[in-house]
């Protein structure tokens, strides 16, 4: 994937390289008030 991105004429600024990353970014982009991201990340920090 990285080689493909580097060979692209206009590569994106950011590229998610895993399914989990794509799902998390999709949640963040569709979350207008932050509540969905908080539900996902709330348990990450003790």
PDB file of N, CA and C in Angstrom:
ATOM      1  N   UNK A   1       0.825  -1.192   0.000  1.00  0.00           N
ATOM      2  CA  UNK A   1       0.000   0.000   0.000  1.00  0.00           C
ATOM      3  C   UNK A   1       0.866   1.252   0.000  1.00  0.00           C
ATOM      4  N   UNK A   2       1.911   1.275   0.788  1.00  0.00           N
ATOM      5  CA  UNK A   2       2.754   2.460   0.878  1.00  0.00           C
ATOM      6  C   UNK A   2       3.439   2.738  -0.456  1.00  0.00           C
ATOM      7  N   UNK A   3       3.926   1.704  -1.100  1.00  0.00           N
ATOM      8  CA  UNK A   3       4.571   1.883  -2.407  1.00  0.00           C
ATOM      9  C   UNK A   3       3.568   2.432  -3.410  1.00  0.00           C
ATOM     10  N   UNK A   4       2.351   1.913  -3.379  1.00  0.00           N
ATOM     11  CA  UNK A   4       1.303   2.406  -4.274  1.00  0.00           C
ATOM     12  C   UNK A   4       1.041   3.885  -4.024  1.00  0.00           C
ATOM     13  N   UNK A   5       0.959   4.288  -2.761  1.00  0.00           N
ATOM     14  CA  UNK A   5       0.738   5.698  -2.435  1.00  0.00           C
ATOM     15  C   UNK A   5       1.886   6.566  -2.925  1.00  0.00           C
ATOM     16  N   UNK A   6       3.112   6.090  -2.750  1.00  0.00           N
ATOM     17  CA  UNK A   6       4.271   6.864  -3.181  1.00  0.00           C
ATOM     18  C   UNK A   6       4.343   7.002  -4.697  1.00  0.00           C
ATOM     19  N   UNK A   7       3.820   6.016  -5.404  1.00  0.00           N
ATOM     20  CA  UNK A   7       3.821   6.062  -6.868  1.00  0.00           C
ATOM     21  C   UNK A   7       2.671   6.889  -7.431  1.00  0.00           C
ATOM     22  N   UNK A   8       1.734   7.277  -6.585  1.00  0.00           N
ATOM     23  CA  UNK A   8       0.583   8.062  -7.033  1.00  0.00           C
ATOM     24  C   UNK A   8       1.011   9.491  -7.326  1.00  0.00           C
ATOM     25  N   UNK A   9       0.467  10.066  -8.385  1.00  0.00           N
ATOM     26  CA  UNK A   9       0.827  11.427  -8.777  1.00  0.00           C
ATOM     27  C   UNK A   9       0.475  12.445  -7.694  1.00  0.00           C
ATOM     28  N   UNK A  10      -0.698  12.291  -7.086  1.00  0.00           N
ATOM     29  CA  UNK A  10      -1.136  13.213  -6.033  1.00  0.00           C
ATOM     30  C   UNK A  10      -1.602  12.381  -4.827  1.00  0.00           C
ATOM     31  N   UNK A  11      -0.663  11.872  -4.030  1.00  0.00           N
ATOM     32  CA  UNK A  11      -1.053  11.023  -2.898  1.00  0.00           C
ATOM     33  C   UNK A  11      -1.817  11.824  -1.840  1.00  0.00           C
ATOM     34  N   UNK A  12      -2.700  11.164  -1.103  1.00  0.00           N
ATOM     35  CA  UNK A  12      -3.429  11.855  -0.039  1.00  0.00           C
ATOM     36  C   UNK A  12      -2.488  12.245   1.094  1.00  0.00           C
ATOM     37  N   UNK A  13      -2.859  13.265   1.841  1.00  0.00           N
ATOM     38  CA  UNK A  13      -2.062  13.705   2.981  1.00  0.00           C
ATOM     39  C   UNK A  13      -1.982  12.607   4.036  1.00  0.00           C
ATOM     40  N   UNK A  14      -3.101  11.936   4.262  1.00  0.00           N
ATOM     41  CA  UNK A  14      -3.158  10.837   5.235  1.00  0.00           C
ATOM     42  C   UNK A  14      -3.819   9.632   4.576  1.00  0.00           C
ATOM     43  N   UNK A  15      -3.330   8.451   4.939  1.00  0.00           N
ATOM     44  CA  UNK A  15      -3.921   7.222   4.412  1.00  0.00           C
ATOM     45  C   UNK A  15      -3.984   6.199   5.535  1.00  0.00           C
ATOM     46  N   UNK A  16      -5.157   5.652   5.750  1.00  0.00           N
ATOM     47  CA  UNK A  16      -5.318   4.627   6.767  1.00  0.00           C
ATOM     48  C   UNK A  16      -4.887   3.294   6.161  1.00  0.00           C
ATOM     49  N   UNK A  17      -4.042   2.566   6.883  1.00  0.00           N
ATOM     50  CA  UNK A  17      -3.480   1.340   6.341  1.00  0.00           C
ATOM     51  C   UNK A  17      -4.088   0.083   6.944  1.00  0.00           C
ATOM     52  N   UNK A  18      -5.126   0.226   7.759  1.00  0.00           N
ATOM     53  CA  UNK A  18      -5.781  -0.942   8.323  1.00  0.00           C
ATOM     54  C   UNK A  18      -7.281  -0.714   8.378  1.00  0.00           C
ATOM     55  N   UNK A  19      -8.007  -1.804   8.455  1.00  0.00           N
ATOM     56  CA  UNK A  19      -9.462  -1.717   8.561  1.00  0.00           C
ATOM     57  C   UNK A  19      -9.866  -0.989   9.830  1.00  0.00           C
ATOM     58  N   UNK A  20      -9.180  -1.269  10.938  1.00  0.00           N
ATOM     59  CA  UNK A  20      -9.509  -0.621  12.209  1.00  0.00           C
ATOM     60  C   UNK A  20      -9.300   0.894  12.115  1.00  0.00           C
ATOM     61  N   UNK A  21      -8.237   1.303  11.480  1.00  0.00           N
ATOM     62  CA  UNK A  21      -7.981   2.741  11.330  1.00  0.00           C
ATOM     63  C   UNK A  21      -9.058   3.396  10.478  1.00  0.00           C
ATOM     64  N   UNK A  22      -9.441   2.752   9.390  1.00  0.00           N
ATOM     65  CA  UNK A  22     -10.499   3.311   8.535  1.00  0.00           C
ATOM     66  C   UNK A  22     -11.815   3.431   9.290  1.00  0.00           C
ATOM     67  N   UNK A  23     -12.147   2.422  10.104  1.00  0.00           N
ATOM     68  CA  UNK A  23     -13.388   2.472  10.881  1.00  0.00           C
ATOM     69  C   UNK A  23     -13.345   3.596  11.912  1.00  0.00           C
ATOM     70  N   UNK A  24     -12.211   3.773  12.582  1.00  0.00           N
ATOM     71  CA  UNK A  24     -12.097   4.822  13.587  1.00  0.00           C
ATOM     72  C   UNK A  24     -12.195   6.205  12.948  1.00  0.00           C
ATOM     73  N   UNK A  25     -11.519   6.393  11.835  1.00  0.00           N
ATOM     74  CA  UNK A  25     -11.580   7.687  11.143  1.00  0.00           C
ATOM     75  C   UNK A  25     -13.004   7.959  10.660  1.00  0.00           C
ATOM     76  N   UNK A  26     -13.687   6.943  10.173  1.00  0.00           N
ATOM     77  CA  UNK A  26     -15.076   7.124   9.741  1.00  0.00           C
ATOM     78  C   UNK A  26     -15.943   7.576  10.912  1.00  0.00           C
ATOM     79  N   UNK A  27     -15.710   6.993  12.088  1.00  0.00           N
ATOM     80  CA  UNK A  27     -16.455   7.403  13.285  1.00  0.00           C
ATOM     81  C   UNK A  27     -16.150   8.854  13.620  1.00  0.00           C
ATOM     82  N   UNK A  28     -14.874   9.218  13.616  1.00  0.00           N
ATOM     83  CA  UNK A  28     -14.489  10.586  13.952  1.00  0.00           C
ATOM     84  C   UNK A  28     -15.083  11.605  12.987  1.00  0.00           C
ATOM     85  N   UNK A  29     -15.071  11.288  11.702  1.00  0.00           N
ATOM     86  CA  UNK A  29     -15.557  12.240  10.708  1.00  0.00           C
ATOM     87  C   UNK A  29     -17.073  12.415  10.745  1.00  0.00           C
ATOM     88  N   UNK A  30     -17.778  11.389  11.203  1.00  0.00           N
ATOM     89  CA  UNK A  30     -19.239  11.490  11.229  1.00  0.00           C
ATOM     90  C   UNK A  30     -19.779  11.905  12.599  1.00  0.00           C
ATOM     91  N   UNK A  31     -18.899  12.138  13.556  1.00  0.00           N
ATOM     92  CA  UNK A  31     -19.288  12.427  14.935  1.00  0.00           C
ATOM     93  C   UNK A  31     -19.310  13.938  15.171  1.00  0.00           C
ATOM     94  N   UNK A  32     -20.486  14.534  15.106  1.00  0.00           N
ATOM     95  CA  UNK A  32     -20.583  15.987  15.195  1.00  0.00           C
ATOM     96  C   UNK A  32     -20.353  16.535  16.599  1.00  0.00           C
ATOM     97  N   UNK A  33     -20.682  15.765  17.639  1.00  0.00           N
ATOM     98  CA  UNK A  33     -20.541  16.311  18.991  1.00  0.00           C
ATOM     99  C   UNK A  33     -19.474  15.607  19.837  1.00  0.00           C
ATOM    100  N   UNK A  34     -18.782  14.623  19.268  1.00  0.00           N
ATOM    101  CA  UNK A  34     -17.714  13.951  19.995  1.00  0.00           C
ATOM    102  C   UNK A  34     -18.159  12.782  20.851  1.00  0.00           C
ATOM    103  N   UNK A  35     -19.448  12.538  20.956  1.00  0.00           N
ATOM    104  CA  UNK A  35     -19.930  11.486  21.848  1.00  0.00           C
ATOM    105  C   UNK A  35     -19.559  10.080  21.356  1.00  0.00           C
ATOM    106  N   UNK A  36     -19.585   9.858  20.061  1.00  0.00           N
ATOM    107  CA  UNK A  36     -19.235   8.526  19.533  1.00  0.00           C
ATOM    108  C   UNK A  36     -17.755   8.230  19.757  1.00  0.00           C
ATOM    109  N   UNK A  37     -16.905   9.209  19.527  1.00  0.00           N
ATOM    110  CA  UNK A  37     -15.468   9.015  19.758  1.00  0.00           C
ATOM    111  C   UNK A  37     -15.208   8.781  21.239  1.00  0.00           C
ATOM    112  N   UNK A  38     -15.904   9.482  22.097  1.00  0.00           N
ATOM    113  CA  UNK A  38     -15.741   9.290  23.540  1.00  0.00           C
ATOM    114  C   UNK A  38     -16.136   7.877  23.956  1.00  0.00           C
ATOM    115  N   UNK A  39     -17.208   7.339  23.355  1.00  0.00           N
ATOM    116  CA  UNK A  39     -17.609   5.965  23.657  1.00  0.00           C
ATOM    117  C   UNK A  39     -16.523   4.978  23.229  1.00  0.00           C
ATOM    118  N   UNK A  40     -15.901   5.229  22.092  1.00  0.00           N
ATOM    119  CA  UNK A  40     -14.868   4.318  21.584  1.00  0.00           C
ATOM    120  C   UNK A  40     -13.593   4.435  22.406  1.00  0.00           C
ATOM    121  N   UNK A  41     -13.204   5.655  22.754  1.00  0.00           N
ATOM    122  CA  UNK A  41     -11.892   5.877  23.387  1.00  0.00           C
ATOM    123  C   UNK A  41     -11.949   6.045  24.896  1.00  0.00           C
ATOM    124  N   UNK A  42     -13.125   6.070  25.467  1.00  0.00           N
ATOM    125  CA  UNK A  42     -13.275   6.342  26.899  1.00  0.00           C
ATOM    126  C   UNK A  42     -12.513   5.408  27.818  1.00  0.00           C
ATOM    127  N   UNK A  43     -12.361   4.164  27.439  1.00  0.00           N
ATOM    128  CA  UNK A  43     -11.663   3.204  28.272  1.00  0.00           C
ATOM    129  C   UNK A  43     -10.174   3.091  27.983  1.00  0.00           C
ATOM    130  N   UNK A  44      -9.661   3.841  27.031  1.00  0.00           N
ATOM    131  CA  UNK A  44      -8.260   3.739  26.650  1.00  0.00           C
ATOM    132  C   UNK A  44      -7.308   4.269  27.706  1.00  0.00           C
ATOM    133  N   UNK A  45      -7.728   5.281  28.444  1.00  0.00           N
ATOM    134  CA  UNK A  45      -6.868   5.896  29.443  1.00  0.00           C
ATOM    135  C   UNK A  45      -7.438   5.563  30.829  1.00  0.00           C
ATOM    136  N   UNK A  46      -6.586   5.035  31.673  1.00  0.00           N
ATOM    137  CA  UNK A  46      -7.015   4.583  32.993  1.00  0.00           C
ATOM    138  C   UNK A  46      -7.566   5.656  33.799  1.00  0.00           C
TER     139      UNK A  46
END
